[in-house]
Amino acid sequence: RPAVTGQLRIASSTVPAEWWLPEVLAGFRLVCPDVRETLIVSDSRTASTAVIDGGADVGVVGELPGDERLLSRAVAEDELVLVVGSDHPLAGLEQMSAADLATLPLVVRGVGSASQRCVDEALEAAGVHRDELVTWMETNSVDATRSAVTRGLAAAFLSRRAVAGDLESGRLCHVRVRQVRPRRQLYM
């Protein structure tokens, strides 16, 4: 069997790049050790566009791309949870109502973020509109979001898998929001 060699250009949104792709690429490297991967991390919209435009060979995104030129397949499920820092006043609270979110300063993801669209849709279903929320900061960086939340500056919805270590260590605390369960598929 001939060896598989070459370059594999992967465009990914931030969440799958942080927790899903490292594990997958480690397995891929065992099977195809002579392939070199290039990972381009952006938001879902930009990652899909990179594949369409030929800037990437494959994309991994947090929402189904709505372009007929792309073939997509669900590869993992992601749950987004509301988290606060361990020193935040809500850190000991087990759950809150969706309406109570309107008074809570939040770090939100920017335009093009499939995570944020998933959260917005779940909130809308619970009767809370994004313009009712107190946006403390908007960023496209999961790390910047995590850092702000860890320091107790605000709360945020983040991927449970992306913050699993922070939840386990107690740096972050999960606060359940009644009637709000943002879940989504990750697509390749």
N, C-alpha and C. Protein backbone atom coordinates (compact mmCIF):
# COMPACT_ATOMS: atom_id res chain seq x y z
N ARG A 1 0.86 -1.18 0.00
CA ARG A 1 0.00 0.00 0.00
C ARG A 1 0.90 1.24 0.00
N PRO A 2 0.65 2.19 -0.91
CA PRO A 2 1.50 3.38 -0.98
C PRO A 2 1.28 4.29 0.24
N ALA A 3 2.34 4.96 0.65
CA ALA A 3 2.27 5.88 1.79
C ALA A 3 1.49 7.13 1.39
N VAL A 4 0.72 7.63 2.33
CA VAL A 4 -0.02 8.87 2.11
C VAL A 4 0.87 9.99 2.60
N THR A 5 1.16 10.95 1.72
CA THR A 5 2.02 12.07 2.07
C THR A 5 1.36 13.36 1.63
N GLY A 6 1.93 14.48 2.03
CA GLY A 6 1.45 15.77 1.57
C GLY A 6 1.01 16.65 2.71
N GLN A 7 0.29 17.68 2.33
CA GLN A 7 -0.19 18.70 3.26
C GLN A 7 -1.71 18.62 3.34
N LEU A 8 -2.27 18.70 4.55
CA LEU A 8 -3.71 18.74 4.76
C LEU A 8 -4.03 20.06 5.43
N ARG A 9 -4.74 20.92 4.71
CA ARG A 9 -5.11 22.23 5.24
C ARG A 9 -6.50 22.14 5.84
N ILE A 10 -6.60 22.42 7.14
CA ILE A 10 -7.87 22.30 7.87
C ILE A 10 -8.28 23.67 8.37
N ALA A 11 -9.49 24.07 8.03
CA ALA A 11 -10.08 25.31 8.57
C ALA A 11 -11.09 24.89 9.63
N SER A 12 -10.98 25.47 10.81
CA SER A 12 -11.85 25.06 11.90
C SER A 12 -12.31 26.27 12.70
N SER A 13 -13.52 26.15 13.22
CA SER A 13 -13.95 27.14 14.19
C SER A 13 -13.24 26.83 15.51
N THR A 14 -13.28 27.78 16.44
CA THR A 14 -12.44 27.68 17.64
C THR A 14 -12.78 26.50 18.54
N VAL A 15 -14.04 26.22 18.75
CA VAL A 15 -14.40 25.16 19.70
C VAL A 15 -13.91 23.79 19.24
N PRO A 16 -14.20 23.35 18.00
CA PRO A 16 -13.66 22.05 17.60
C PRO A 16 -12.13 22.05 17.53
N ALA A 17 -11.51 23.19 17.23
CA ALA A 17 -10.05 23.26 17.19
C ALA A 17 -9.45 23.03 18.57
N GLU A 18 -10.17 23.39 19.61
CA GLU A 18 -9.65 23.25 20.97
C GLU A 18 -9.84 21.86 21.55
N TRP A 19 -10.97 21.20 21.33
CA TRP A 19 -11.17 19.93 22.01
C TRP A 19 -11.40 18.73 21.11
N TRP A 20 -11.89 18.91 19.90
CA TRP A 20 -12.18 17.75 19.06
C TRP A 20 -11.01 17.40 18.14
N LEU A 21 -10.50 18.39 17.44
CA LEU A 21 -9.45 18.14 16.46
C LEU A 21 -8.15 17.58 17.04
N PRO A 22 -7.67 18.04 18.20
CA PRO A 22 -6.41 17.46 18.70
C PRO A 22 -6.46 15.94 18.84
N GLU A 23 -7.56 15.43 19.35
CA GLU A 23 -7.70 13.98 19.50
C GLU A 23 -7.77 13.29 18.15
N VAL A 24 -8.55 13.86 17.23
CA VAL A 24 -8.70 13.27 15.90
C VAL A 24 -7.38 13.30 15.15
N LEU A 25 -6.67 14.43 15.23
CA LEU A 25 -5.40 14.54 14.51
C LEU A 25 -4.33 13.62 15.10
N ALA A 26 -4.37 13.37 16.39
CA ALA A 26 -3.43 12.42 17.00
C ALA A 26 -3.65 11.03 16.41
N GLY A 27 -4.91 10.62 16.26
CA GLY A 27 -5.22 9.34 15.64
C GLY A 27 -4.86 9.31 14.17
N PHE A 28 -5.12 10.41 13.47
CA PHE A 28 -4.79 10.52 12.05
C PHE A 28 -3.29 10.40 11.85
N ARG A 29 -2.52 11.02 12.74
CA ARG A 29 -1.05 10.99 12.63
C ARG A 29 -0.51 9.56 12.75
N LEU A 30 -1.18 8.72 13.55
CA LEU A 30 -0.76 7.33 13.67
C LEU A 30 -0.96 6.57 12.37
N VAL A 31 -2.03 6.89 11.65
CA VAL A 31 -2.36 6.21 10.40
C VAL A 31 -1.59 6.80 9.22
N CYS A 32 -1.43 8.12 9.23
CA CYS A 32 -0.77 8.83 8.13
C CYS A 32 0.36 9.71 8.67
N PRO A 33 1.47 9.12 9.12
CA PRO A 33 2.52 9.90 9.77
C PRO A 33 3.26 10.87 8.85
N ASP A 34 3.14 10.68 7.53
CA ASP A 34 3.86 11.54 6.60
C ASP A 34 3.02 12.70 6.07
N VAL A 35 1.81 12.86 6.60
CA VAL A 35 0.97 14.00 6.22
C VAL A 35 1.18 15.10 7.25
N ARG A 36 1.36 16.30 6.78
CA ARG A 36 1.53 17.46 7.66
C ARG A 36 0.27 18.30 7.62
N GLU A 37 -0.25 18.59 8.82
CA GLU A 37 -1.49 19.35 8.92
C GLU A 37 -1.19 20.82 9.17
N THR A 38 -2.01 21.65 8.55
CA THR A 38 -2.02 23.08 8.84
C THR A 38 -3.41 23.39 9.35
N LEU A 39 -3.50 23.98 10.51
CA LEU A 39 -4.79 24.29 11.11
C LEU A 39 -5.00 25.80 11.12
N ILE A 40 -6.07 26.22 10.48
CA ILE A 40 -6.45 27.63 10.42
C ILE A 40 -7.68 27.78 11.31
N VAL A 41 -7.57 28.56 12.38
CA VAL A 41 -8.67 28.69 13.33
C VAL A 41 -9.35 30.04 13.15
N SER A 42 -10.67 30.00 13.01
CA SER A 42 -11.47 31.21 12.83
C SER A 42 -12.87 30.94 13.37
N ASP A 43 -13.87 31.61 12.85
CA ASP A 43 -15.24 31.28 13.20
C ASP A 43 -15.81 30.33 12.14
N SER A 44 -17.00 29.80 12.40
CA SER A 44 -17.59 28.81 11.49
C SER A 44 -17.80 29.34 10.08
N ARG A 45 -18.28 30.55 9.99
CA ARG A 45 -18.57 31.14 8.67
C ARG A 45 -17.29 31.26 7.85
N THR A 46 -16.23 31.75 8.46
CA THR A 46 -14.95 31.93 7.77
C THR A 46 -14.33 30.59 7.40
N ALA A 47 -14.45 29.60 8.29
CA ALA A 47 -13.91 28.27 8.01
C ALA A 47 -14.62 27.64 6.81
N SER A 48 -15.93 27.76 6.74
CA SER A 48 -16.68 27.21 5.59
C SER A 48 -16.26 27.91 4.30
N THR A 49 -16.12 29.21 4.36
CA THR A 49 -15.71 29.98 3.19
C THR A 49 -14.32 29.58 2.73
N ALA A 50 -13.42 29.27 3.65
CA ALA A 50 -12.06 28.84 3.29
C ALA A 50 -12.10 27.56 2.46
N VAL A 51 -12.99 26.64 2.80
CA VAL A 51 -13.10 25.39 2.03
C VAL A 51 -13.68 25.69 0.65
N ILE A 52 -14.71 26.52 0.60
CA ILE A 52 -15.33 26.87 -0.69
C ILE A 52 -14.32 27.55 -1.61
N ASP A 53 -13.52 28.46 -1.05
CA ASP A 53 -12.58 29.23 -1.85
C ASP A 53 -11.27 28.50 -2.15
N GLY A 54 -11.10 27.29 -1.60
CA GLY A 54 -9.89 26.52 -1.87
C GLY A 54 -8.74 26.83 -0.92
N GLY A 55 -8.97 27.61 0.10
CA GLY A 55 -7.92 27.92 1.07
C GLY A 55 -7.72 26.81 2.08
N ALA A 56 -8.65 25.87 2.13
CA ALA A 56 -8.55 24.72 3.04
C ALA A 56 -9.11 23.50 2.33
N ASP A 57 -8.59 22.34 2.70
CA ASP A 57 -9.06 21.09 2.11
C ASP A 57 -10.30 20.56 2.81
N VAL A 58 -10.39 20.81 4.10
CA VAL A 58 -11.50 20.33 4.90
C VAL A 58 -11.78 21.38 5.98
N GLY A 59 -13.03 21.43 6.42
CA GLY A 59 -13.40 22.35 7.50
C GLY A 59 -14.12 21.60 8.60
N VAL A 60 -13.99 22.13 9.81
CA VAL A 60 -14.73 21.61 10.95
C VAL A 60 -15.40 22.80 11.60
N VAL A 61 -16.74 22.77 11.63
CA VAL A 61 -17.50 23.95 12.06
C VAL A 61 -18.63 23.56 13.01
N GLY A 62 -19.17 24.57 13.68
CA GLY A 62 -20.19 24.35 14.69
C GLY A 62 -21.61 24.50 14.21
N GLU A 63 -21.80 24.55 12.92
CA GLU A 63 -23.16 24.58 12.37
C GLU A 63 -23.12 24.03 10.96
N LEU A 64 -24.23 23.53 10.51
CA LEU A 64 -24.33 22.96 9.17
C LEU A 64 -24.14 24.07 8.14
N PRO A 65 -23.10 23.97 7.32
CA PRO A 65 -22.90 25.01 6.29
C PRO A 65 -24.08 24.99 5.31
N GLY A 66 -24.57 26.14 5.00
CA GLY A 66 -25.72 26.23 4.11
C GLY A 66 -25.34 26.46 2.67
N ASP A 67 -24.32 25.79 2.19
CA ASP A 67 -23.85 25.98 0.82
C ASP A 67 -23.85 24.64 0.11
N GLU A 68 -24.51 24.57 -1.02
CA GLU A 68 -24.64 23.30 -1.76
C GLU A 68 -23.32 22.80 -2.33
N ARG A 69 -22.29 23.65 -2.36
CA ARG A 69 -20.98 23.22 -2.85
C ARG A 69 -20.21 22.41 -1.82
N LEU A 70 -20.71 22.35 -0.60
CA LEU A 70 -20.03 21.62 0.47
C LEU A 70 -20.80 20.35 0.84
N LEU A 71 -20.07 19.28 1.04
CA LEU A 71 -20.64 18.06 1.61
C LEU A 71 -20.30 18.09 3.09
N SER A 72 -21.29 17.84 3.92
CA SER A 72 -21.08 17.93 5.36
C SER A 72 -21.57 16.67 6.07
N ARG A 73 -20.90 16.38 7.19
CA ARG A 73 -21.28 15.24 8.00
C ARG A 73 -21.09 15.61 9.47
N ALA A 74 -22.08 15.27 10.29
CA ALA A 74 -21.96 15.51 11.73
C ALA A 74 -20.89 14.58 12.29
N VAL A 75 -19.99 15.13 13.12
CA VAL A 75 -18.90 14.33 13.66
C VAL A 75 -18.86 14.31 15.19
N ALA A 76 -19.57 15.23 15.83
CA ALA A 76 -19.57 15.28 17.30
C ALA A 76 -20.71 16.18 17.76
N GLU A 77 -21.07 16.04 19.03
CA GLU A 77 -22.09 16.91 19.61
C GLU A 77 -21.43 17.81 20.65
N ASP A 78 -21.95 19.02 20.76
CA ASP A 78 -21.40 20.00 21.68
C ASP A 78 -22.54 20.59 22.50
N GLU A 79 -22.31 20.75 23.79
CA GLU A 79 -23.27 21.41 24.67
C GLU A 79 -22.64 22.69 25.18
N LEU A 80 -23.37 23.77 25.13
CA LEU A 80 -22.89 25.05 25.63
C LEU A 80 -23.53 25.31 26.99
N VAL A 81 -22.69 25.67 27.97
CA VAL A 81 -23.18 25.86 29.33
C VAL A 81 -22.80 27.24 29.84
N LEU A 82 -23.63 27.78 30.72
CA LEU A 82 -23.33 29.07 31.35
C LEU A 82 -22.32 28.82 32.46
N VAL A 83 -21.22 29.56 32.41
CA VAL A 83 -20.18 29.41 33.42
C VAL A 83 -19.85 30.77 34.03
N VAL A 84 -19.45 30.71 35.30
CA VAL A 84 -18.97 31.88 36.03
C VAL A 84 -17.68 31.49 36.74
N GLY A 85 -16.91 32.49 37.14
CA GLY A 85 -15.69 32.22 37.88
C GLY A 85 -16.01 31.77 39.30
N SER A 86 -15.06 31.12 39.94
CA SER A 86 -15.29 30.59 41.28
C SER A 86 -15.56 31.68 42.31
N ASP A 87 -15.13 32.93 42.05
CA ASP A 87 -15.37 34.04 42.97
C ASP A 87 -16.61 34.85 42.62
N HIS A 88 -17.28 34.48 41.56
CA HIS A 88 -18.47 35.22 41.10
C HIS A 88 -19.61 35.01 42.11
N PRO A 89 -20.46 36.02 42.32
CA PRO A 89 -21.58 35.87 43.26
C PRO A 89 -22.52 34.70 42.94
N LEU A 90 -22.59 34.28 41.68
CA LEU A 90 -23.46 33.17 41.30
C LEU A 90 -22.78 31.81 41.36
N ALA A 91 -21.51 31.77 41.78
CA ALA A 91 -20.74 30.53 41.74
C ALA A 91 -21.41 29.39 42.52
N GLY A 92 -22.10 29.68 43.59
CA GLY A 92 -22.75 28.62 44.37
C GLY A 92 -24.17 28.32 43.94
N LEU A 93 -24.68 29.08 43.00
CA LEU A 93 -26.06 28.92 42.55
C LEU A 93 -26.15 27.72 41.62
N GLU A 94 -27.09 26.84 41.90
CA GLU A 94 -27.23 25.65 41.07
C GLU A 94 -27.94 25.95 39.76
N GLN A 95 -28.99 26.78 39.81
CA GLN A 95 -29.68 27.13 38.58
C GLN A 95 -30.36 28.49 38.71
N MET A 96 -30.69 29.05 37.56
CA MET A 96 -31.36 30.35 37.51
C MET A 96 -32.36 30.32 36.36
N SER A 97 -33.24 31.30 36.35
CA SER A 97 -34.21 31.37 35.26
C SER A 97 -33.59 32.08 34.07
N ALA A 98 -34.13 31.83 32.91
CA ALA A 98 -33.66 32.50 31.70
C ALA A 98 -33.86 34.01 31.81
N ALA A 99 -34.95 34.44 32.43
CA ALA A 99 -35.23 35.87 32.58
C ALA A 99 -34.16 36.55 33.42
N ASP A 100 -33.58 35.83 34.40
CA ASP A 100 -32.54 36.41 35.24
C ASP A 100 -31.26 36.73 34.47
N LEU A 101 -31.09 36.16 33.30
CA LEU A 101 -29.91 36.45 32.49
C LEU A 101 -29.85 37.92 32.08
N ALA A 102 -31.01 38.57 32.01
CA ALA A 102 -31.06 39.96 31.55
C ALA A 102 -30.29 40.90 32.48
N THR A 103 -30.01 40.49 33.71
CA THR A 103 -29.29 41.36 34.64
C THR A 103 -27.83 40.95 34.80
N LEU A 104 -27.41 39.92 34.11
CA LEU A 104 -26.09 39.35 34.29
C LEU A 104 -25.13 39.82 33.19
N PRO A 105 -24.04 40.52 33.54
CA PRO A 105 -23.06 40.89 32.50
C PRO A 105 -22.49 39.64 31.85
N LEU A 106 -22.49 39.62 30.52
CA LEU A 106 -22.06 38.45 29.76
C LEU A 106 -20.93 38.78 28.79
N VAL A 107 -20.07 37.81 28.59
CA VAL A 107 -19.13 37.84 27.48
C VAL A 107 -19.79 37.01 26.39
N VAL A 108 -19.93 37.58 25.20
CA VAL A 108 -20.59 36.89 24.10
C VAL A 108 -19.60 36.71 22.96
N ARG A 109 -19.86 35.73 22.12
CA ARG A 109 -19.05 35.49 20.94
C ARG A 109 -19.46 36.46 19.84
N GLY A 110 -18.57 36.71 18.90
CA GLY A 110 -18.80 37.70 17.86
C GLY A 110 -19.59 37.18 16.68
N VAL A 111 -19.80 38.08 15.73
CA VAL A 111 -20.50 37.76 14.49
C VAL A 111 -19.75 36.64 13.78
N GLY A 112 -20.47 35.67 13.26
CA GLY A 112 -19.86 34.54 12.57
C GLY A 112 -19.69 33.33 13.47
N SER A 113 -19.97 33.50 14.77
CA SER A 113 -19.81 32.40 15.71
C SER A 113 -21.04 31.52 15.73
N ALA A 114 -20.86 30.25 15.39
CA ALA A 114 -21.96 29.29 15.45
C ALA A 114 -22.36 29.05 16.90
N SER A 115 -21.40 29.10 17.82
CA SER A 115 -21.72 28.93 19.25
C SER A 115 -22.72 29.99 19.68
N GLN A 116 -22.46 31.23 19.31
CA GLN A 116 -23.34 32.31 19.74
C GLN A 116 -24.72 32.18 19.11
N ARG A 117 -24.76 31.77 17.84
CA ARG A 117 -26.08 31.59 17.21
C ARG A 117 -26.85 30.48 17.92
N CYS A 118 -26.17 29.43 18.33
CA CYS A 118 -26.82 28.33 19.05
C CYS A 118 -27.38 28.83 20.38
N VAL A 119 -26.59 29.61 21.12
CA VAL A 119 -27.05 30.17 22.40
C VAL A 119 -28.22 31.11 22.16
N ASP A 120 -28.10 31.99 21.18
CA ASP A 120 -29.17 32.95 20.89
C ASP A 120 -30.48 32.24 20.58
N GLU A 121 -30.42 31.16 19.80
CA GLU A 121 -31.62 30.40 19.46
C GLU A 121 -32.23 29.75 20.70
N ALA A 122 -31.39 29.20 21.56
CA ALA A 122 -31.90 28.57 22.79
C ALA A 122 -32.53 29.61 23.71
N LEU A 123 -31.92 30.78 23.79
CA LEU A 123 -32.49 31.86 24.62
C LEU A 123 -33.81 32.35 24.04
N GLU A 124 -33.86 32.51 22.73
CA GLU A 124 -35.10 32.94 22.07
C GLU A 124 -36.23 31.96 22.37
N ALA A 125 -35.93 30.67 22.32
CA ALA A 125 -36.94 29.65 22.60
C ALA A 125 -37.45 29.78 24.04
N ALA A 126 -36.62 30.32 24.93
CA ALA A 126 -37.01 30.50 26.33
C ALA A 126 -37.59 31.90 26.57
N GLY A 127 -37.73 32.68 25.49
CA GLY A 127 -38.35 34.00 25.60
C GLY A 127 -37.39 35.13 25.94
N VAL A 128 -36.09 34.91 25.79
CA VAL A 128 -35.11 35.95 26.08
C VAL A 128 -34.44 36.34 24.77
N HIS A 129 -34.48 37.63 24.44
CA HIS A 129 -33.89 38.11 23.19
C HIS A 129 -32.51 38.67 23.47
N ARG A 130 -31.61 38.50 22.54
CA ARG A 130 -30.22 38.94 22.74
C ARG A 130 -30.12 40.41 23.11
N ASP A 131 -30.97 41.25 22.54
CA ASP A 131 -30.88 42.69 22.85
C ASP A 131 -31.32 43.01 24.28
N GLU A 132 -31.87 42.04 24.99
CA GLU A 132 -32.23 42.24 26.40
C GLU A 132 -31.05 41.95 27.33
N LEU A 133 -30.01 41.34 26.81
CA LEU A 133 -28.88 40.92 27.62
C LEU A 133 -27.88 42.06 27.82
N VAL A 134 -27.13 41.99 28.91
CA VAL A 134 -26.08 42.97 29.20
C VAL A 134 -24.78 42.39 28.64
N THR A 135 -24.35 42.91 27.49
CA THR A 135 -23.11 42.43 26.89
C THR A 135 -21.95 43.22 27.47
N TRP A 136 -21.15 42.56 28.29
CA TRP A 136 -20.00 43.19 28.91
C TRP A 136 -18.86 43.27 27.91
N MET A 137 -18.69 42.20 27.12
CA MET A 137 -17.62 42.17 26.12
C MET A 137 -18.02 41.21 25.02
N GLU A 138 -17.60 41.51 23.80
CA GLU A 138 -17.79 40.61 22.67
C GLU A 138 -16.42 40.23 22.15
N THR A 139 -16.20 38.94 21.94
CA THR A 139 -14.91 38.47 21.44
C THR A 139 -15.09 37.20 20.63
N ASN A 140 -14.17 36.95 19.72
CA ASN A 140 -14.18 35.70 18.97
C ASN A 140 -13.21 34.68 19.57
N SER A 141 -12.62 35.02 20.70
CA SER A 141 -11.63 34.15 21.32
C SER A 141 -12.22 33.41 22.50
N VAL A 142 -12.17 32.08 22.45
CA VAL A 142 -12.61 31.27 23.58
C VAL A 142 -11.69 31.51 24.77
N ASP A 143 -10.40 31.64 24.52
CA ASP A 143 -9.45 31.88 25.61
C ASP A 143 -9.70 33.22 26.30
N ALA A 144 -9.98 34.28 25.53
CA ALA A 144 -10.27 35.58 26.13
C ALA A 144 -11.56 35.51 26.95
N THR A 145 -12.53 34.78 26.45
CA THR A 145 -13.79 34.60 27.17
C THR A 145 -13.54 33.87 28.47
N ARG A 146 -12.84 32.76 28.40
CA ARG A 146 -12.53 31.96 29.59
C ARG A 146 -11.76 32.80 30.61
N SER A 147 -10.80 33.57 30.15
CA SER A 147 -9.99 34.39 31.04
C SER A 147 -10.84 35.44 31.76
N ALA A 148 -11.71 36.12 31.04
CA ALA A 148 -12.58 37.13 31.64
C ALA A 148 -13.52 36.49 32.67
N VAL A 149 -14.06 35.35 32.32
CA VAL A 149 -15.00 34.67 33.22
C VAL A 149 -14.27 34.14 34.46
N THR A 150 -13.11 33.56 34.27
CA THR A 150 -12.34 33.03 35.40
C THR A 150 -12.02 34.13 36.42
N ARG A 151 -11.81 35.34 35.94
CA ARG A 151 -11.49 36.46 36.81
C ARG A 151 -12.74 37.08 37.46
N GLY A 152 -13.89 36.51 37.18
CA GLY A 152 -15.12 36.97 37.83
C GLY A 152 -15.72 38.22 37.22
N LEU A 153 -15.28 38.60 36.03
CA LEU A 153 -15.74 39.84 35.42
C LEU A 153 -17.13 39.72 34.79
N ALA A 154 -17.49 38.52 34.38
CA ALA A 154 -18.76 38.31 33.70
C ALA A 154 -19.02 36.81 33.63
N ALA A 155 -20.15 36.45 33.05
CA ALA A 155 -20.49 35.05 32.79
C ALA A 155 -20.47 34.83 31.29
N ALA A 156 -20.46 33.58 30.87
CA ALA A 156 -20.48 33.29 29.43
C ALA A 156 -20.99 31.88 29.19
N PHE A 157 -21.54 31.67 28.01
CA PHE A 157 -21.87 30.33 27.55
C PHE A 157 -20.67 29.82 26.78
N LEU A 158 -20.12 28.70 27.24
CA LEU A 158 -18.97 28.09 26.59
C LEU A 158 -19.22 26.59 26.41
N SER A 159 -18.49 26.01 25.50
CA SER A 159 -18.58 24.57 25.27
C SER A 159 -18.19 23.83 26.54
N ARG A 160 -19.05 22.91 26.96
CA ARG A 160 -18.75 22.12 28.17
C ARG A 160 -17.41 21.39 28.00
N ARG A 161 -17.17 20.85 26.84
CA ARG A 161 -15.92 20.10 26.63
C ARG A 161 -14.71 21.04 26.62
N ALA A 162 -14.88 22.24 26.11
CA ALA A 162 -13.76 23.19 26.07
C ALA A 162 -13.37 23.66 27.47
N VAL A 163 -14.31 23.64 28.41
CA VAL A 163 -14.02 24.11 29.77
C VAL A 163 -14.06 22.98 30.80
N ALA A 164 -14.03 21.75 30.34
CA ALA A 164 -14.13 20.61 31.26
C ALA A 164 -13.06 20.65 32.35
N GLY A 165 -11.84 20.96 31.99
CA GLY A 165 -10.76 21.04 32.97
C GLY A 165 -10.98 22.16 33.97
N ASP A 166 -11.50 23.29 33.51
CA ASP A 166 -11.78 24.42 34.40
C ASP A 166 -12.91 24.10 35.36
N LEU A 167 -13.91 23.37 34.89
CA LEU A 167 -15.01 22.96 35.76
C LEU A 167 -14.53 21.95 36.79
N GLU A 168 -13.72 21.02 36.34
CA GLU A 168 -13.20 19.98 37.25
C GLU A 168 -12.30 20.58 38.33
N SER A 169 -11.48 21.56 37.95
CA SER A 169 -10.55 22.16 38.92
C SER A 169 -11.23 23.17 39.83
N GLY A 170 -12.45 23.60 39.46
CA GLY A 170 -13.16 24.59 40.26
C GLY A 170 -12.87 26.03 39.86
N ARG A 171 -12.05 26.24 38.83
CA ARG A 171 -11.80 27.62 38.36
C ARG A 171 -13.08 28.24 37.79
N LEU A 172 -13.90 27.39 37.18
CA LEU A 172 -15.19 27.83 36.66
C LEU A 172 -16.29 26.99 37.29
N CYS A 173 -17.49 27.59 37.39
CA CYS A 173 -18.66 26.90 37.92
C CYS A 173 -19.77 26.97 36.89
N HIS A 174 -20.47 25.86 36.73
CA HIS A 174 -21.60 25.78 35.81
C HIS A 174 -22.87 26.19 36.55
N VAL A 175 -23.60 27.13 35.97
CA VAL A 175 -24.90 27.53 36.51
C VAL A 175 -25.95 27.13 35.48
N ARG A 176 -26.85 26.23 35.84
CA ARG A 176 -27.88 25.79 34.91
C ARG A 176 -28.91 26.91 34.72
N VAL A 177 -29.36 27.06 33.50
CA VAL A 177 -30.39 28.04 33.18
C VAL A 177 -31.63 27.25 32.78
N ARG A 178 -32.69 27.39 33.59
CA ARG A 178 -33.92 26.65 33.31
C ARG A 178 -34.42 26.95 31.90
N GLN A 179 -34.82 25.92 31.21
CA GLN A 179 -35.40 25.97 29.87
C GLN A 179 -34.41 26.41 28.79
N VAL A 180 -33.12 26.45 29.11
CA VAL A 180 -32.11 26.82 28.12
C VAL A 180 -31.05 25.72 28.08
N ARG A 181 -31.04 24.95 26.98
CA ARG A 181 -30.06 23.87 26.81
C ARG A 181 -29.46 23.95 25.41
N PRO A 182 -28.55 24.89 25.18
CA PRO A 182 -27.97 24.99 23.83
C PRO A 182 -27.10 23.78 23.50
N ARG A 183 -27.52 23.06 22.48
CA ARG A 183 -26.78 21.90 21.99
C ARG A 183 -26.67 22.03 20.48
N ARG A 184 -25.58 21.51 19.96
CA ARG A 184 -25.38 21.57 18.52
C ARG A 184 -24.47 20.44 18.06
N GLN A 185 -24.48 20.21 16.79
CA GLN A 185 -23.59 19.25 16.17
C GLN A 185 -22.35 20.00 15.65
N LEU A 186 -21.24 19.32 15.63
CA LEU A 186 -20.06 19.82 14.92
C LEU A 186 -20.01 19.07 13.60
N TYR A 187 -19.67 19.79 12.53
CA TYR A 187 -19.70 19.21 11.19
C TYR A 187 -18.34 19.28 10.53
N MET A 188 -18.03 18.25 9.77
CA MET A 188 -16.85 18.25 8.92
C MET A 188 -17.34 18.30 7.49
